[in-house]
Protein backbone atom coordinates (compact mmCIF):
# COMPACT_ATOMS: atom_id res chain seq x y z
CA MET A 1 74.44 -98.77 -75.04
CA ILE A 2 71.57 -101.27 -75.07
CA SER A 3 73.82 -103.96 -76.56
CA GLU A 4 76.18 -103.60 -73.59
CA ILE A 5 73.36 -103.53 -71.06
CA PHE A 6 71.95 -106.80 -72.35
CA ALA A 7 75.27 -108.50 -73.04
CA VAL A 8 75.10 -110.51 -69.81
CA MET A 9 71.77 -111.97 -70.86
CA ASN A 10 72.72 -113.38 -74.26
CA ASN A 11 72.37 -116.95 -73.06
CA ILE A 12 68.63 -116.49 -72.40
CA GLN A 13 66.82 -117.95 -75.39
CA ASN A 14 63.62 -119.69 -74.29
CA GLU A 15 61.89 -118.89 -71.01
CA SER A 16 60.39 -122.34 -70.60
CA HIS A 17 63.90 -123.41 -69.48
CA GLU A 18 64.74 -120.42 -67.28
CA GLU A 19 65.37 -120.59 -63.55
CA PRO A 20 62.93 -119.57 -60.76
CA ASP A 21 64.85 -116.28 -60.17
CA LEU A 22 63.35 -114.94 -63.38
CA TYR A 23 61.44 -112.25 -61.48
CA GLU A 24 64.71 -110.67 -60.32
CA THR A 25 66.14 -111.02 -63.82
CA ARG A 26 63.19 -109.16 -65.27
CA LEU A 27 63.45 -106.43 -62.65
CA ALA A 28 67.07 -105.98 -63.70
CA LYS A 29 66.00 -105.70 -67.33
CA LEU A 30 63.44 -103.08 -66.37
CA LYS A 31 66.03 -101.07 -64.48
CA ASP A 32 68.41 -101.22 -67.45
CA LEU A 33 65.70 -100.01 -69.80
CA LEU A 34 64.90 -97.07 -67.53
CA ASN A 35 68.60 -96.20 -67.17
CA SER A 36 68.82 -96.13 -70.97
CA GLY A 37 66.00 -93.61 -71.20
CA ILE A 38 63.46 -96.10 -72.50
CA ASN A 39 59.93 -95.87 -71.08
CA PRO A 40 58.68 -99.48 -70.67
CA TYR A 41 55.11 -98.31 -69.93
CA VAL A 42 54.15 -95.92 -72.72
CA ASN A 43 51.17 -93.58 -72.55
CA SER A 44 49.38 -94.75 -75.67
CA PHE A 45 49.61 -96.78 -78.83
CA HIS A 46 47.02 -96.70 -81.61
CA ARG A 47 46.78 -100.11 -83.22
CA LYS A 48 44.94 -100.36 -86.52
CA HIS A 49 44.62 -104.09 -87.08
CA LEU A 50 43.96 -107.36 -85.24
CA SER A 51 45.75 -110.66 -85.69
CA ALA A 52 42.64 -112.37 -87.08
CA GLU A 53 42.43 -109.70 -89.79
CA LEU A 54 46.04 -110.28 -90.83
CA LEU A 55 45.55 -114.04 -90.93
CA ALA A 56 42.65 -113.53 -93.37
CA ILE A 57 44.35 -111.04 -95.73
CA LYS A 58 45.09 -112.15 -99.29
CA GLU A 59 48.66 -112.25 -100.55
CA ASP A 60 48.19 -109.34 -102.95
CA GLN A 61 47.94 -107.08 -99.88
CA PHE A 62 51.13 -108.31 -98.21
CA SER A 63 53.13 -105.22 -99.17
CA GLU A 64 50.83 -102.95 -97.18
CA GLU A 65 51.99 -101.87 -93.74
CA PHE A 66 50.05 -103.13 -90.73
CA ILE A 67 50.05 -101.98 -87.12
CA ILE A 68 49.08 -104.49 -84.42
CA ALA A 69 49.68 -104.93 -80.70
CA GLY A 70 49.53 -107.77 -78.23
CA ARG A 71 51.30 -109.96 -75.73
CA ILE A 72 54.32 -112.13 -76.52
CA ARG A 73 53.39 -115.78 -75.98
CA SER A 74 56.37 -117.62 -77.44
CA LYS A 75 59.91 -116.69 -78.46
CA ARG A 76 62.56 -118.28 -80.69
CA ILE A 77 65.78 -116.26 -81.09
CA MET A 78 68.40 -117.50 -83.60
CA GLY A 79 71.37 -115.16 -83.54
CA LYS A 80 70.61 -112.20 -85.80
CA ALA A 81 66.92 -113.00 -86.26
CA GLY A 82 64.04 -114.29 -84.21
CA PHE A 83 60.37 -115.28 -84.24
CA MET A 84 57.73 -114.57 -81.64
CA ASP A 85 54.03 -115.30 -81.35
CA LEU A 86 51.97 -112.19 -80.64
CA GLU A 87 48.53 -112.69 -79.09
CA ASP A 88 45.59 -110.27 -79.01
CA GLU A 89 41.91 -110.85 -78.27
CA THR A 90 41.32 -112.42 -81.70
CA GLY A 91 44.15 -114.96 -81.70
CA ARG A 92 47.87 -115.26 -82.39
CA ILE A 93 50.11 -114.30 -85.27
CA GLN A 94 53.82 -114.88 -85.74
CA ILE A 95 56.17 -111.90 -85.94
CA TYR A 96 59.71 -111.87 -87.32
CA GLY A 97 62.48 -109.47 -86.36
CA ALA A 98 65.96 -109.31 -87.89
CA SER A 99 69.02 -107.21 -87.10
CA LYS A 100 69.32 -106.10 -90.74
CA GLU A 101 65.86 -104.50 -90.63
CA LEU A 102 65.92 -103.23 -87.04
CA SER A 103 68.72 -101.00 -85.84
CA GLY A 104 71.39 -102.66 -83.70
CA GLU A 105 70.09 -101.29 -80.41
CA ASN A 106 66.47 -102.00 -81.29
CA TYR A 107 67.30 -105.55 -82.22
CA GLU A 108 69.02 -106.07 -78.86
CA ILE A 109 65.85 -104.90 -77.11
CA PHE A 110 63.76 -107.15 -79.37
CA LYS A 111 65.99 -110.13 -78.67
CA HIS A 112 65.63 -109.70 -74.91
CA LEU A 113 61.88 -109.18 -74.76
CA ASP A 114 60.19 -111.55 -72.33
CA LEU A 115 57.18 -113.80 -72.57
CA GLY A 116 54.22 -111.73 -71.47
CA ASP A 117 55.61 -108.37 -72.61
CA ILE A 118 53.07 -106.27 -74.47
CA ILE A 119 54.42 -104.70 -77.64
CA GLY A 120 53.17 -102.75 -80.63
CA VAL A 121 54.57 -103.58 -84.07
CA ARG A 122 54.56 -102.10 -87.56
CA GLY A 123 55.40 -104.27 -90.54
CA THR A 124 54.44 -106.14 -93.68
CA LEU A 125 53.25 -109.71 -94.20
CA PHE A 126 54.88 -112.79 -95.66
CA ASN A 127 54.43 -116.55 -95.48
CA THR A 128 57.29 -118.70 -94.18
CA LYS A 129 58.51 -121.79 -96.02
CA THR A 130 56.08 -123.83 -93.92
CA GLY A 131 53.22 -121.52 -94.93
CA GLN A 132 52.86 -119.70 -91.63
CA ARG A 133 51.53 -116.15 -91.88
CA THR A 134 54.09 -113.78 -90.33
CA VAL A 135 54.60 -110.06 -89.77
CA ARG A 136 58.03 -108.82 -90.81
CA LEU A 137 58.91 -106.03 -88.40
CA ASN A 138 59.86 -102.59 -89.62
CA GLU A 139 59.48 -101.17 -86.14
CA PHE A 140 58.30 -102.24 -82.69
CA LEU A 141 57.64 -100.53 -79.37
CA LEU A 142 57.59 -101.99 -75.86
CA LEU A 143 54.21 -100.93 -74.43
CA ALA A 144 54.17 -102.69 -71.04
CA LYS A 145 56.90 -104.76 -69.42
CA CYS A 146 55.76 -108.06 -67.87
CA ILE A 147 57.75 -108.39 -64.65
CA ARG A 148 56.29 -111.64 -63.36
CA PRO A 149 56.84 -114.72 -65.58
CA LEU A 150 53.69 -116.30 -66.97
CA PRO A 151 52.86 -119.92 -66.18
CA VAL A 152 53.79 -122.17 -69.07
CA VAL A 153 53.23 -125.78 -70.01
CA LYS A 154 56.34 -127.79 -69.17
CA GLU A 155 57.51 -131.35 -69.64
CA ALA A 156 58.78 -133.53 -66.82
CA GLU A 157 59.49 -137.26 -66.93
CA GLY A 158 57.70 -137.53 -70.23
CA LYS A 159 54.52 -135.90 -68.88
CA VAL A 160 53.11 -132.53 -69.82
CA PHE A 161 51.65 -130.47 -66.99
CA ASP A 162 50.25 -126.98 -66.58
CA ALA A 163 52.30 -124.75 -64.31
CA PHE A 164 49.11 -122.86 -63.42
CA SER A 165 46.78 -125.74 -62.60
CA ASP A 166 46.08 -124.69 -59.00
CA LYS A 167 42.36 -123.81 -59.13
CA GLU A 168 42.49 -121.54 -56.11
CA GLN A 169 45.34 -119.51 -57.58
CA ARG A 170 43.51 -119.28 -60.89
CA TYR A 171 40.47 -117.79 -59.13
CA ARG A 172 42.62 -115.41 -57.12
CA MET A 173 44.64 -114.29 -60.13
CA ARG A 174 41.94 -114.35 -62.78
CA TYR A 175 44.01 -111.88 -64.79
CA VAL A 176 46.73 -114.53 -65.21
CA ASP A 177 44.19 -117.29 -65.73
CA MET A 178 42.73 -115.35 -68.66
CA ILE A 179 46.16 -114.66 -70.18
CA VAL A 180 47.24 -118.30 -70.26
CA ASN A 181 43.87 -120.01 -70.76
CA SER A 182 42.03 -118.68 -73.79
CA ASP A 183 39.00 -120.88 -73.03
CA VAL A 184 38.52 -118.98 -69.76
CA ARG A 185 38.38 -115.70 -71.67
CA GLU A 186 35.93 -117.25 -74.10
CA ASN A 187 33.64 -118.37 -71.28
CA PHE A 188 33.39 -114.84 -69.95
CA ILE A 189 32.73 -113.53 -73.44
CA ILE A 190 29.84 -116.00 -73.62
CA ARG A 191 28.59 -114.80 -70.24
CA SER A 192 28.57 -111.24 -71.53
CA LYS A 193 26.67 -112.37 -74.64
CA ILE A 194 24.10 -114.11 -72.44
CA ILE A 195 23.37 -110.87 -70.62
CA SER A 196 23.25 -108.85 -73.85
CA GLU A 197 20.86 -111.32 -75.46
CA ILE A 198 18.59 -111.35 -72.40
CA ARG A 199 18.38 -107.56 -72.52
CA ALA A 200 17.55 -107.62 -76.24
CA PHE A 201 14.98 -110.40 -75.84
CA LEU A 202 13.08 -108.68 -73.03
CA THR A 203 13.30 -105.19 -74.52
CA GLU A 204 11.83 -106.50 -77.77
CA ARG A 205 8.92 -107.87 -75.73
CA GLY A 206 8.21 -104.46 -74.23
CA PHE A 207 9.99 -104.88 -70.88
CA LEU A 208 11.67 -101.84 -69.34
CA GLU A 209 15.03 -102.25 -67.61
CA VAL A 210 15.14 -100.52 -64.22
CA GLU A 211 17.45 -100.16 -61.24
CA THR A 212 16.35 -100.61 -57.65
CA PRO A 213 18.25 -100.08 -54.37
CA MET A 214 21.07 -102.38 -53.35
CA MET A 215 20.93 -101.20 -49.74
CA HIS A 216 17.69 -102.06 -47.97
CA THR A 217 16.28 -101.08 -44.62
CA ILE A 218 14.42 -104.41 -44.57
CA PRO A 219 15.95 -107.53 -46.20
CA GLY A 220 12.93 -108.75 -48.16
CA GLY A 221 12.04 -110.70 -51.27
CA ALA A 222 13.55 -114.03 -50.17
CA ALA A 223 14.20 -116.13 -47.10
CA ALA A 224 17.96 -115.71 -46.73
CA LYS A 225 20.51 -114.37 -44.28
CA PRO A 226 21.58 -110.83 -45.26
CA PHE A 227 24.85 -108.96 -44.99
CA GLN A 228 24.45 -106.10 -42.57
CA THR A 229 26.12 -102.69 -42.64
CA HIS A 230 25.73 -99.27 -41.04
CA HIS A 231 25.15 -95.88 -42.62
CA ASN A 232 27.09 -93.38 -40.51
CA ALA A 233 25.47 -90.12 -41.65
CA MET A 234 21.93 -91.40 -41.07
CA ASP A 235 22.93 -93.58 -38.12
CA MET A 236 20.89 -96.53 -39.35
CA GLU A 237 21.35 -100.21 -40.03
CA LEU A 238 21.15 -101.33 -43.64
CA TYR A 239 21.27 -104.66 -45.45
CA LEU A 240 22.74 -105.56 -48.82
CA ARG A 241 19.82 -106.79 -50.86
CA ILE A 242 19.01 -110.46 -50.96
CA ALA A 243 16.50 -109.86 -53.78
CA PRO A 244 14.99 -106.87 -55.63
CA GLU A 245 11.53 -108.44 -55.82
CA LEU A 246 9.53 -106.18 -53.52
CA TYR A 247 10.86 -103.00 -55.12
CA LEU A 248 10.14 -104.26 -58.62
CA LYS A 249 6.57 -105.13 -57.69
CA ARG A 250 6.13 -101.64 -56.26
CA LEU A 251 6.75 -100.47 -59.83
CA LEU A 252 3.81 -102.59 -61.03
CA VAL A 253 1.68 -100.76 -58.47
CA GLY A 254 3.01 -97.49 -59.90
CA GLY A 255 1.86 -98.34 -63.42
CA MET A 256 4.95 -99.84 -65.08
CA PRO A 257 3.47 -102.99 -66.66
CA LYS A 258 6.66 -104.84 -67.62
CA VAL A 259 9.95 -104.40 -65.79
CA PHE A 260 13.20 -106.30 -65.37
CA GLU A 261 16.48 -105.88 -63.56
CA LEU A 262 19.82 -107.63 -64.00
CA ASN A 263 20.95 -107.29 -60.44
CA ARG A 264 23.58 -108.23 -57.92
CA ASN A 265 22.27 -110.02 -54.84
CA PHE A 266 24.11 -110.78 -51.61
CA ARG A 267 23.35 -113.63 -49.22
CA ASN A 268 25.41 -114.32 -46.13
CA GLU A 269 25.36 -118.06 -46.56
CA GLY A 270 27.57 -120.98 -47.54
CA ILE A 271 29.85 -121.29 -50.54
CA SER A 272 29.69 -124.32 -52.81
CA TYR A 273 30.06 -125.32 -56.45
CA LYS A 274 26.63 -123.74 -57.08
CA HIS A 275 26.58 -120.92 -54.51
CA ASN A 276 28.54 -117.68 -54.17
CA PRO A 277 27.62 -115.01 -51.57
CA GLU A 278 27.49 -112.39 -54.33
CA PHE A 279 25.64 -113.45 -57.46
CA THR A 280 23.76 -112.11 -60.46
CA MET A 281 20.03 -112.55 -61.01
CA LEU A 282 17.56 -111.58 -63.66
CA GLU A 283 14.20 -110.64 -62.17
CA LEU A 284 11.26 -109.69 -64.34
CA TYR A 285 7.60 -108.87 -63.64
CA GLU A 286 4.67 -108.61 -66.00
CA ALA A 287 1.32 -107.05 -65.07
CA TYR A 288 -1.60 -109.17 -66.26
CA GLY A 289 0.68 -112.15 -66.55
CA ASP A 290 0.82 -115.25 -64.36
CA MET A 291 2.79 -118.43 -63.80
CA LYS A 292 1.87 -119.73 -67.28
CA SER A 293 3.09 -116.58 -69.05
CA MET A 294 6.35 -116.87 -67.11
CA MET A 295 6.71 -120.47 -68.31
CA GLU A 296 6.39 -119.32 -71.91
CA ILE A 297 8.97 -116.54 -71.46
CA CYS A 298 11.40 -118.84 -69.67
CA GLU A 299 11.20 -121.64 -72.22
CA THR A 300 11.37 -119.28 -75.20
CA MET A 301 14.20 -117.14 -73.80
CA MET A 302 16.39 -120.13 -72.90
CA HIS A 303 15.93 -121.57 -76.38
CA HIS A 304 16.76 -118.17 -77.85
CA LEU A 305 19.97 -117.95 -75.79
CA VAL A 306 21.29 -121.38 -76.70
CA MET A 307 20.57 -120.86 -80.39
CA LYS A 308 22.28 -117.46 -80.42
CA ILE A 309 25.37 -118.73 -78.62
CA HIS A 310 25.74 -122.32 -79.82
CA LYS A 311 23.60 -122.39 -83.00
CA THR A 312 21.98 -125.60 -81.71
CA ASP A 313 19.49 -126.39 -78.96
CA GLU A 314 21.27 -129.56 -77.84
CA ILE A 315 24.48 -128.97 -75.93
CA PRO A 316 26.92 -131.07 -73.87
CA TYR A 317 27.09 -130.59 -70.13
CA GLU A 318 29.59 -132.70 -68.20
CA ASP A 319 28.80 -136.26 -69.36
CA LYS A 320 25.27 -135.43 -70.45
CA SER A 321 23.53 -133.97 -73.47
CA ILE A 322 20.99 -131.26 -72.61
CA LYS A 323 18.09 -130.59 -74.98
CA LEU A 324 16.64 -127.10 -74.56
CA ALA A 325 14.03 -127.26 -77.31
CA ALA A 326 10.42 -126.78 -76.19
CA PRO A 327 8.29 -128.22 -74.74
CA TRP A 328 10.01 -128.96 -71.45
CA ALA A 329 8.85 -131.64 -69.04
CA ARG A 330 6.36 -130.69 -66.33
CA LEU A 331 6.01 -132.40 -62.96
CA THR A 332 4.26 -131.38 -59.76
CA TYR A 333 6.33 -131.02 -56.59
CA PHE A 334 4.83 -134.11 -54.91
CA GLY A 335 4.62 -135.95 -58.24
CA ALA A 336 8.38 -135.56 -58.74
CA ILE A 337 9.10 -136.85 -55.24
CA GLU A 338 6.95 -139.91 -55.81
CA LYS A 339 8.43 -140.53 -59.26
CA PHE A 340 12.05 -140.50 -58.13
CA THR A 341 11.75 -141.96 -54.60
CA GLY A 342 8.69 -144.18 -54.80
CA VAL A 343 7.37 -142.52 -51.62
CA LYS A 344 4.03 -140.74 -51.55
CA PHE A 345 3.95 -137.87 -49.06
CA ASP A 346 0.65 -136.37 -47.98
CA PRO A 347 0.10 -133.02 -46.18
CA SER A 348 -2.08 -134.84 -43.64
CA MET A 349 1.00 -136.73 -42.34
CA ASP A 350 2.43 -135.78 -39.00
CA LEU A 351 6.10 -134.85 -38.61
CA ASN A 352 7.29 -138.22 -37.28
CA THR A 353 5.56 -140.19 -40.05
CA ALA A 354 7.14 -137.95 -42.66
CA LYS A 355 10.57 -138.48 -41.06
CA ASP A 356 10.06 -142.26 -41.07
CA HIS A 357 9.25 -142.16 -44.78
CA ALA A 358 12.37 -140.08 -45.41
CA LYS A 359 14.59 -142.47 -43.44
CA LYS A 360 13.43 -145.37 -45.62
CA ILE A 361 14.92 -143.66 -48.66
CA LYS A 362 18.14 -142.87 -46.75
CA VAL A 363 17.80 -139.11 -46.38
CA ASP A 364 20.61 -137.61 -44.25
CA LYS A 365 19.63 -138.24 -40.61
CA GLU A 366 21.39 -135.16 -39.27
CA VAL A 367 19.45 -132.95 -41.66
CA LEU A 368 16.19 -134.73 -40.78
CA ASN A 369 16.77 -134.13 -37.08
CA LYS A 370 16.76 -130.39 -37.77
CA CYS A 371 13.42 -130.53 -39.58
CA MET A 372 10.74 -128.84 -37.47
CA THR A 373 7.71 -129.36 -39.71
CA PHE A 374 6.29 -131.78 -42.26
CA TRP A 375 7.15 -129.29 -45.00
CA ASP A 376 10.78 -129.14 -43.83
CA VAL A 377 11.01 -132.91 -44.30
CA VAL A 378 9.46 -132.81 -47.75
CA GLU A 379 11.78 -129.99 -48.83
CA THR A 380 14.78 -131.98 -47.59
CA VAL A 381 13.64 -135.06 -49.51
CA PHE A 382 13.24 -133.01 -52.69
CA ASP A 383 16.66 -131.38 -52.31
CA GLU A 384 18.50 -134.65 -51.64
CA LYS A 385 16.65 -137.17 -53.78
CA VAL A 386 14.94 -135.34 -56.62
CA GLU A 387 17.04 -132.38 -57.79
CA SER A 388 19.91 -134.48 -59.10
CA GLU A 389 17.48 -136.55 -61.20
CA LEU A 390 16.19 -133.50 -63.09
CA VAL A 391 18.77 -133.49 -65.89
CA GLN A 392 16.68 -132.33 -68.86
CA PRO A 393 14.87 -128.98 -68.47
CA THR A 394 11.89 -129.57 -66.20
CA PHE A 395 9.21 -127.33 -64.72
CA ILE A 396 8.36 -128.35 -61.16
CA THR A 397 4.95 -126.91 -60.26
CA GLU A 398 2.47 -126.73 -57.35
CA TYR A 399 4.89 -125.78 -54.59
CA PRO A 400 3.63 -125.83 -50.99
CA ARG A 401 2.29 -122.51 -49.73
CA SER A 402 4.47 -122.77 -46.61
CA ILE A 403 7.68 -122.34 -48.65
CA SER A 404 6.21 -119.86 -51.15
CA PRO A 405 5.35 -116.72 -49.13
CA LEU A 406 5.04 -114.41 -52.17
CA ALA A 407 3.09 -116.70 -54.53
CA LYS A 408 -0.65 -116.90 -55.08
CA SER A 409 -2.40 -119.97 -53.72
CA MET A 410 -4.13 -122.32 -56.12
CA PRO A 411 -7.90 -121.60 -55.92
CA GLU A 412 -8.75 -125.31 -55.88
CA ASN A 413 -6.12 -126.20 -53.23
CA PRO A 414 -4.91 -123.30 -51.01
CA ASP A 415 -2.11 -125.41 -49.47
CA PHE A 416 -0.28 -125.15 -52.82
CA THR A 417 0.70 -122.22 -55.01
CA GLU A 418 0.86 -121.21 -58.65
CA ARG A 419 4.63 -121.45 -58.67
CA PHE A 420 7.26 -123.27 -60.66
CA GLU A 421 10.98 -123.81 -60.50
CA VAL A 422 13.06 -124.86 -63.50
CA PHE A 423 15.74 -127.50 -63.05
CA VAL A 424 18.41 -128.31 -65.61
CA ALA A 425 21.40 -130.62 -65.15
CA GLY A 426 20.34 -131.31 -61.57
CA ARG A 427 20.14 -127.75 -60.29
CA GLU A 428 17.60 -124.96 -60.04
CA VAL A 429 18.01 -122.16 -62.57
CA ALA A 430 14.70 -120.27 -62.35
CA ASN A 431 11.86 -119.57 -59.91
CA ALA A 432 8.54 -117.99 -60.87
CA PHE A 433 4.94 -117.63 -59.79
CA SER A 434 1.66 -115.83 -60.06
CA GLU A 435 2.37 -112.91 -57.74
CA LEU A 436 0.41 -112.52 -54.54
CA ASN A 437 -1.37 -109.16 -54.71
CA ASP A 438 -3.77 -109.52 -51.76
CA PRO A 439 -2.35 -107.23 -49.02
CA PHE A 440 -4.16 -109.06 -46.22
CA ASP A 441 -2.99 -112.52 -47.27
CA GLN A 442 0.52 -111.12 -47.82
CA LYS A 443 0.62 -109.64 -44.33
CA LYS A 444 -0.41 -112.94 -42.76
CA ARG A 445 2.36 -114.75 -44.64
CA PHE A 446 4.94 -112.18 -43.59
CA GLU A 447 3.81 -112.63 -39.99
CA GLU A 448 4.26 -116.39 -40.28
CA GLN A 449 7.74 -115.93 -41.78
CA VAL A 450 8.70 -113.59 -38.95
CA ARG A 451 7.43 -116.11 -36.40
CA LEU A 452 9.50 -118.91 -37.95
CA ARG A 453 12.62 -116.73 -37.89
CA GLU A 454 12.11 -115.59 -34.31
CA THR A 455 11.40 -119.10 -32.99
CA GLY A 456 14.31 -120.61 -34.89
CA GLU A 457 12.05 -122.93 -36.89
CA GLY A 458 13.36 -121.63 -40.20
CA GLU A 459 15.21 -118.86 -41.98
CA GLY A 460 11.94 -116.99 -42.28
CA GLY A 461 11.65 -113.42 -43.50
CA TYR A 462 10.84 -109.88 -42.40
CA MET A 463 7.74 -107.72 -42.22
CA ASP A 464 7.77 -104.98 -44.85
CA LEU A 465 4.86 -102.70 -43.95
CA ASP A 466 5.58 -100.27 -46.77
CA TYR A 467 5.22 -103.11 -49.27
CA ILE A 468 1.89 -104.03 -47.67
CA ARG A 469 0.86 -100.39 -48.01
CA ALA A 470 1.84 -100.46 -51.69
CA LEU A 471 -0.36 -103.52 -52.26
CA GLU A 472 -3.24 -101.69 -50.58
CA TYR A 473 -3.15 -99.21 -53.48
CA GLY A 474 -3.74 -102.15 -55.80
CA MET A 475 -1.29 -104.24 -57.81
CA PRO A 476 -2.67 -105.86 -60.97
CA PRO A 477 -2.51 -109.64 -61.25
CA ALA A 478 1.01 -110.40 -62.40
CA GLY A 479 3.61 -113.02 -63.12
CA GLY A 480 7.19 -112.73 -61.90
CA MET A 481 10.38 -114.73 -62.37
CA GLY A 482 13.96 -114.87 -61.16
CA ILE A 483 16.71 -116.58 -63.18
CA GLY A 484 20.24 -117.23 -61.92
CA ILE A 485 22.61 -115.75 -64.50
CA ASP A 486 25.64 -117.50 -63.04
CA ARG A 487 23.92 -120.88 -63.33
CA ILE A 488 22.78 -120.18 -66.88
CA ALA A 489 26.40 -119.31 -67.67
CA MET A 490 27.50 -122.60 -66.07
CA LEU A 491 25.14 -124.49 -68.37
CA LEU A 492 26.00 -122.66 -71.58
CA THR A 493 29.78 -122.79 -70.99
CA ASN A 494 29.82 -126.37 -69.67
CA SER A 495 31.36 -125.15 -66.41
CA HIS A 496 31.27 -127.43 -63.39
CA THR A 497 31.40 -124.80 -60.64
CA ILE A 498 29.89 -121.35 -60.28
CA LYS A 499 33.37 -119.92 -59.67
CA ASP A 500 34.19 -120.62 -63.31
CA THR A 501 31.46 -118.18 -64.36
CA ILE A 502 32.25 -115.35 -61.92
CA LEU A 503 35.24 -113.23 -62.84
CA PHE A 504 36.34 -112.65 -59.25
CA PRO A 505 34.65 -115.13 -56.88
CA LEU A 506 34.89 -114.51 -53.15
CA MET A 507 38.11 -115.97 -51.67
CA ARG A 508 39.85 -115.73 -48.33
CA PRO A 509 42.51 -113.00 -48.25
CA GLU A 510 45.95 -114.05 -49.40
CA GLU A 511 49.15 -112.92 -47.73
CA LEU A 512 51.35 -111.30 -50.37
């Protein structure tokens, strides 16, 4: 009998006070259930209602029977009756089970359910004396036994602490993190909404969503270190893509005027609060567009996103308030450096003079020693001294040609390009430019990137002769843009690290 099986456990009332051997206790419960012919992992259960619906129902409907399902989050057993909180994706509702309404054996099972167990229930509604909406059980079914105890908030020496506060464990066991921290679930719901709204926004503007290869024979589209793999059947080296750019622009050549891809990129580089080796990007390209049309799309789309998700265009981020309403600030690359450092750099400077200027504003000396060109120094100064100052949304324009190998040069000053990057809250979130469509200029820039990589003067890039061939067929003037989805999610969820916006960030293997 179930009552006999569970007799030894009658002293277990509230799991927040149970001992660390709870895992073994739960395994014993599972074994007893199986020995009694009870399947603790049923094939299916068809729920008909959600907790939020029941909380909103009027009292004249209380006599109707409702069927809900969820996870047990709290438990209060008082002899022949007990209350539990049942949680689903819409919230929590209290349930009430009593021995007089459940058969003796069923009540014993109910009484010994554990926090974290997933159950389905059938019952009617009532309000307790304190006014709490509650489901009175007519029947319940154990749907999935939770063997490992969930982290709970405990009290010690008058202080409340979270038993699952270890950030690394939360990233490793995101499934537990989402069970016990509803705000984490909400952040990932917002991330999903961001992607859905981007799709809707671009589709309404006539953009076509496409898919391009994730395995490349040449790692192009950005200056970054790729992950390398090998295709056995074809006996050839391949690279996980660092960017889809060159394939998307091939589609412009082929006559698709507006395309976008929400894509996964892979870069074999460092990990930080704003970098993950695997990340999500939006890339879009518009024939007969340019840098200015990309500015308009970027500004309008970001405002659209924040209004859809937060119903306001001014949102908190860390200790700041970010205003996403247009128009955004605009600064040139060198203008921003001068504004925030007081130093005026000039392309006519030699390397040593540039380094001396950088030292005066206390740029990291070790990083400066690795700079091989004037442009390396300037880029270092911008990264260290300017980015963090760009709190409100800002377009930085007129990037040097040397660090913009795929952007069109400015007709009036070929050393600079028609390119912008958007910075918000001190970090880059978007990069765009008027696309280079001259195959001869593009080939020269590829050659320079290859030279820099081979001489160790920079990360450089690779020569993609097929892309050059595509340009030789003629690509219309175009604008293109890449936006970091993970960083947009950081901003719109007020998350302080990129790992909080990626469901399963890369971690070192754990010994289990």
